[in-house]
Amino acid sequence: VVEELSMFADKLVDVMGRTNEKLKFIGRMKGYSHDVASKWASLNDELTKLPITVDERLDACEIISHDVQKLAMFFSLIHDDRLRWVMRLLSRNAP
């Protein structure tokens, strides 16, 4: 009986460890989603700080918001680099 209880306890510890790892992963993903959502929400505000036209701002908003990597890139840049990068994006996506 003691041996069986010990085996059960070992299995329970293993299950709890895997559950803990899954919960940590879910927590990281939730934090990531919240971070991305807040960046999407502030994208237009940040673009209004650049000396670009309304149409350029709307186009840039559309281009950047459709790609999480572009969103991260935009927010990683300093103000002057943001303008240059946005202008490059707009020229590459011009009709």
N, C-alpha and C. Protein backbone atom coordinates (compact mmCIF):
# COMPACT_ATOMS: atom_id res chain seq x y z
N VAL A 1 0.82 -1.19 0.00
CA VAL A 1 0.00 0.00 0.00
C VAL A 1 0.87 1.26 0.00
N VAL A 2 1.93 1.26 0.79
CA VAL A 2 2.82 2.42 0.88
C VAL A 2 3.49 2.65 -0.47
N GLU A 3 3.90 1.56 -1.12
CA GLU A 3 4.55 1.68 -2.42
C GLU A 3 3.58 2.25 -3.45
N GLU A 4 2.34 1.81 -3.44
CA GLU A 4 1.33 2.32 -4.37
C GLU A 4 1.03 3.79 -4.11
N LEU A 5 0.95 4.18 -2.85
CA LEU A 5 0.73 5.58 -2.51
C LEU A 5 1.91 6.43 -2.96
N SER A 6 3.10 5.90 -2.85
CA SER A 6 4.29 6.63 -3.28
C SER A 6 4.28 6.82 -4.79
N MET A 7 3.89 5.77 -5.54
CA MET A 7 3.81 5.87 -7.00
C MET A 7 2.72 6.88 -7.40
N PHE A 8 1.60 6.84 -6.69
CA PHE A 8 0.52 7.79 -6.97
C PHE A 8 0.99 9.23 -6.72
N ALA A 9 1.70 9.42 -5.64
CA ALA A 9 2.21 10.76 -5.30
C ALA A 9 3.18 11.24 -6.37
N ASP A 10 4.04 10.35 -6.87
CA ASP A 10 4.99 10.71 -7.93
C ASP A 10 4.24 11.13 -9.20
N LYS A 11 3.20 10.38 -9.56
CA LYS A 11 2.40 10.71 -10.74
C LYS A 11 1.68 12.04 -10.56
N LEU A 12 1.18 12.26 -9.37
CA LEU A 12 0.48 13.52 -9.08
C LEU A 12 1.43 14.71 -9.18
N VAL A 13 2.64 14.56 -8.69
CA VAL A 13 3.65 15.63 -8.78
C VAL A 13 3.96 15.90 -10.25
N ASP A 14 4.08 14.85 -11.07
CA ASP A 14 4.36 15.01 -12.49
C ASP A 14 3.22 15.76 -13.18
N VAL A 15 2.00 15.37 -12.91
CA VAL A 15 0.84 16.04 -13.52
C VAL A 15 0.77 17.49 -13.08
N MET A 16 1.01 17.76 -11.84
CA MET A 16 0.97 19.13 -11.33
C MET A 16 2.07 19.97 -11.98
N GLY A 17 3.24 19.38 -12.19
CA GLY A 17 4.34 20.10 -12.84
C GLY A 17 3.99 20.47 -14.27
N ARG A 18 3.40 19.53 -15.03
CA ARG A 18 3.00 19.82 -16.40
C ARG A 18 1.89 20.87 -16.44
N THR A 19 0.96 20.78 -15.51
CA THR A 19 -0.12 21.76 -15.43
C THR A 19 0.43 23.14 -15.14
N ASN A 20 1.39 23.22 -14.26
CA ASN A 20 2.01 24.50 -13.92
C ASN A 20 2.68 25.12 -15.14
N GLU A 21 3.39 24.30 -15.92
CA GLU A 21 4.04 24.81 -17.13
C GLU A 21 3.01 25.32 -18.14
N LYS A 22 1.91 24.61 -18.29
CA LYS A 22 0.85 25.04 -19.21
C LYS A 22 0.23 26.35 -18.74
N LEU A 23 0.03 26.49 -17.45
CA LEU A 23 -0.53 27.73 -16.91
C LEU A 23 0.43 28.91 -17.10
N LYS A 24 1.72 28.66 -16.95
CA LYS A 24 2.70 29.72 -17.20
C LYS A 24 2.66 30.15 -18.66
N PHE A 25 2.57 29.17 -19.57
CA PHE A 25 2.50 29.47 -21.00
C PHE A 25 1.25 30.29 -21.32
N ILE A 26 0.12 29.90 -20.77
CA ILE A 26 -1.14 30.64 -20.99
C ILE A 26 -1.01 32.06 -20.46
N GLY A 27 -0.39 32.21 -19.32
CA GLY A 27 -0.18 33.54 -18.75
C GLY A 27 0.68 34.42 -19.64
N ARG A 28 1.74 33.84 -20.19
CA ARG A 28 2.60 34.61 -21.10
C ARG A 28 1.84 35.01 -22.35
N MET A 29 1.04 34.10 -22.90
CA MET A 29 0.27 34.40 -24.11
C MET A 29 -0.77 35.49 -23.84
N LYS A 30 -1.38 35.44 -22.68
CA LYS A 30 -2.37 36.45 -22.33
C LYS A 30 -1.69 37.82 -22.21
N GLY A 31 -0.53 37.86 -21.59
CA GLY A 31 0.22 39.11 -21.48
C GLY A 31 0.63 39.63 -22.84
N TYR A 32 1.05 38.72 -23.72
CA TYR A 32 1.45 39.09 -25.08
C TYR A 32 0.25 39.67 -25.83
N SER A 33 -0.90 39.00 -25.73
CA SER A 33 -2.11 39.49 -26.41
C SER A 33 -2.50 40.87 -25.91
N HIS A 34 -2.39 41.09 -24.62
CA HIS A 34 -2.73 42.39 -24.06
C HIS A 34 -1.76 43.46 -24.57
N ASP A 35 -0.49 43.12 -24.65
CA ASP A 35 0.52 44.05 -25.14
C ASP A 35 0.25 44.43 -26.59
N VAL A 36 -0.05 43.44 -27.42
CA VAL A 36 -0.34 43.70 -28.83
C VAL A 36 -1.60 44.54 -28.97
N ALA A 37 -2.63 44.22 -28.20
CA ALA A 37 -3.89 44.97 -28.27
C ALA A 37 -3.67 46.43 -27.88
N SER A 38 -2.86 46.68 -26.88
CA SER A 38 -2.62 48.06 -26.47
C SER A 38 -1.82 48.81 -27.53
N LYS A 39 -0.91 48.11 -28.21
CA LYS A 39 -0.15 48.75 -29.28
C LYS A 39 -1.05 49.05 -30.47
N TRP A 40 -1.95 48.13 -30.81
CA TRP A 40 -2.90 48.41 -31.88
C TRP A 40 -3.72 49.64 -31.55
N ALA A 41 -4.16 49.73 -30.30
CA ALA A 41 -5.00 50.85 -29.88
C ALA A 41 -4.27 52.18 -29.96
N SER A 42 -2.97 52.18 -29.75
CA SER A 42 -2.22 53.44 -29.75
C SER A 42 -1.52 53.73 -31.09
N LEU A 43 -1.64 52.82 -32.05
CA LEU A 43 -0.96 53.00 -33.33
C LEU A 43 -1.36 54.30 -34.02
N ASN A 44 -2.64 54.53 -34.16
CA ASN A 44 -3.10 55.74 -34.83
C ASN A 44 -2.62 57.00 -34.11
N ASP A 45 -2.68 56.99 -32.80
CA ASP A 45 -2.21 58.15 -32.03
C ASP A 45 -0.73 58.42 -32.30
N GLU A 46 0.06 57.37 -32.35
CA GLU A 46 1.50 57.53 -32.61
C GLU A 46 1.75 58.00 -34.04
N LEU A 47 0.95 57.51 -34.98
CA LEU A 47 1.12 57.95 -36.37
C LEU A 47 0.73 59.41 -36.55
N THR A 48 -0.20 59.92 -35.75
CA THR A 48 -0.58 61.34 -35.87
C THR A 48 0.56 62.26 -35.45
N LYS A 49 1.54 61.74 -34.75
CA LYS A 49 2.69 62.55 -34.34
C LYS A 49 3.71 62.72 -35.47
N LEU A 50 3.52 61.97 -36.56
CA LEU A 50 4.44 62.06 -37.69
C LEU A 50 3.92 63.08 -38.71
N PRO A 51 4.82 63.77 -39.39
CA PRO A 51 4.40 64.76 -40.39
C PRO A 51 4.02 64.08 -41.72
N ILE A 52 2.88 63.39 -41.69
CA ILE A 52 2.37 62.71 -42.89
C ILE A 52 0.92 63.12 -43.09
N THR A 53 0.41 62.92 -44.30
CA THR A 53 -0.97 63.30 -44.60
C THR A 53 -1.93 62.31 -43.94
N VAL A 54 -3.20 62.67 -43.91
CA VAL A 54 -4.22 61.80 -43.34
C VAL A 54 -4.27 60.49 -44.13
N ASP A 55 -4.23 60.59 -45.46
CA ASP A 55 -4.27 59.38 -46.28
C ASP A 55 -3.05 58.49 -46.03
N GLU A 56 -1.89 59.09 -45.88
CA GLU A 56 -0.69 58.31 -45.57
C GLU A 56 -0.83 57.64 -44.21
N ARG A 57 -1.38 58.38 -43.25
CA ARG A 57 -1.57 57.82 -41.91
C ARG A 57 -2.53 56.64 -41.95
N LEU A 58 -3.62 56.78 -42.67
CA LEU A 58 -4.59 55.69 -42.75
C LEU A 58 -4.00 54.47 -43.46
N ASP A 59 -3.26 54.71 -44.54
CA ASP A 59 -2.60 53.60 -45.24
C ASP A 59 -1.58 52.91 -44.33
N ALA A 60 -0.79 53.71 -43.63
CA ALA A 60 0.22 53.14 -42.73
C ALA A 60 -0.45 52.35 -41.61
N CYS A 61 -1.54 52.87 -41.10
CA CYS A 61 -2.29 52.19 -40.04
C CYS A 61 -2.74 50.81 -40.54
N GLU A 62 -3.26 50.78 -41.74
CA GLU A 62 -3.74 49.52 -42.30
C GLU A 62 -2.59 48.54 -42.52
N ILE A 63 -1.50 49.01 -43.08
CA ILE A 63 -0.35 48.14 -43.36
C ILE A 63 0.25 47.59 -42.08
N ILE A 64 0.48 48.46 -41.12
CA ILE A 64 1.15 48.06 -39.88
C ILE A 64 0.25 47.18 -39.02
N SER A 65 -1.03 47.50 -38.95
CA SER A 65 -1.92 46.76 -38.06
C SER A 65 -2.20 45.34 -38.53
N HIS A 66 -1.93 45.03 -39.79
CA HIS A 66 -2.18 43.69 -40.30
C HIS A 66 -1.01 42.73 -40.06
N ASP A 67 0.07 43.21 -39.46
CA ASP A 67 1.25 42.38 -39.27
C ASP A 67 1.86 42.68 -37.90
N VAL A 68 1.82 41.70 -37.02
CA VAL A 68 2.33 41.89 -35.66
C VAL A 68 3.81 42.24 -35.65
N GLN A 69 4.56 41.70 -36.60
CA GLN A 69 5.99 42.03 -36.67
C GLN A 69 6.20 43.49 -37.07
N LYS A 70 5.37 43.99 -37.97
CA LYS A 70 5.47 45.40 -38.34
C LYS A 70 5.07 46.28 -37.16
N LEU A 71 4.06 45.86 -36.43
CA LEU A 71 3.62 46.61 -35.25
C LEU A 71 4.75 46.69 -34.23
N ALA A 72 5.40 45.57 -33.98
CA ALA A 72 6.52 45.55 -33.03
C ALA A 72 7.68 46.41 -33.53
N MET A 73 7.95 46.33 -34.82
CA MET A 73 9.03 47.14 -35.42
C MET A 73 8.74 48.62 -35.23
N PHE A 74 7.52 49.05 -35.55
CA PHE A 74 7.14 50.46 -35.42
C PHE A 74 7.41 50.96 -34.01
N PHE A 75 6.95 50.22 -33.02
CA PHE A 75 7.09 50.68 -31.63
C PHE A 75 8.51 50.53 -31.09
N SER A 76 9.36 49.80 -31.79
CA SER A 76 10.74 49.67 -31.33
C SER A 76 11.61 50.83 -31.81
N LEU A 77 11.11 51.59 -32.77
CA LEU A 77 11.90 52.66 -33.37
C LEU A 77 11.76 53.99 -32.62
N ILE A 78 12.81 54.80 -32.68
CA ILE A 78 12.72 56.16 -32.14
C ILE A 78 11.92 57.00 -33.13
N HIS A 79 11.45 58.15 -32.70
CA HIS A 79 10.53 58.98 -33.48
C HIS A 79 11.02 59.25 -34.90
N ASP A 80 12.26 59.71 -35.05
CA ASP A 80 12.77 60.04 -36.38
C ASP A 80 12.84 58.83 -37.29
N ASP A 81 13.20 57.69 -36.74
CA ASP A 81 13.26 56.47 -37.54
C ASP A 81 11.88 55.97 -37.92
N ARG A 82 10.89 56.24 -37.08
CA ARG A 82 9.52 55.83 -37.41
C ARG A 82 9.06 56.50 -38.70
N LEU A 83 9.33 57.78 -38.84
CA LEU A 83 8.92 58.49 -40.04
C LEU A 83 9.57 57.88 -41.27
N ARG A 84 10.86 57.68 -41.20
CA ARG A 84 11.58 57.12 -42.35
C ARG A 84 11.05 55.73 -42.70
N TRP A 85 10.81 54.89 -41.68
CA TRP A 85 10.34 53.53 -41.89
C TRP A 85 8.92 53.52 -42.47
N VAL A 86 8.05 54.38 -41.94
CA VAL A 86 6.68 54.47 -42.46
C VAL A 86 6.70 54.91 -43.92
N MET A 87 7.53 55.86 -44.26
CA MET A 87 7.61 56.31 -45.65
C MET A 87 8.11 55.18 -46.55
N ARG A 88 9.03 54.38 -46.08
CA ARG A 88 9.49 53.22 -46.85
C ARG A 88 8.37 52.21 -47.03
N LEU A 89 7.61 51.97 -45.97
CA LEU A 89 6.47 51.04 -46.06
C LEU A 89 5.45 51.54 -47.09
N LEU A 90 5.14 52.82 -47.02
CA LEU A 90 4.16 53.38 -47.94
C LEU A 90 4.64 53.31 -49.40
N SER A 91 5.93 53.54 -49.62
CA SER A 91 6.43 53.50 -50.99
C SER A 91 6.43 52.06 -51.53
N ARG A 92 6.68 51.09 -50.66
CA ARG A 92 6.66 49.68 -51.10
C ARG A 92 5.25 49.18 -51.37
N ASN A 93 4.27 49.80 -50.72
CA ASN A 93 2.89 49.35 -50.86
C ASN A 93 2.04 50.28 -51.71
N ALA A 94 2.70 51.17 -52.41
CA ALA A 94 1.97 52.12 -53.28
C ALA A 94 1.30 51.37 -54.44
N PRO A 95 0.11 51.83 -54.82
CA PRO A 95 -0.60 51.16 -55.92
C PRO A 95 0.08 51.31 -57.26
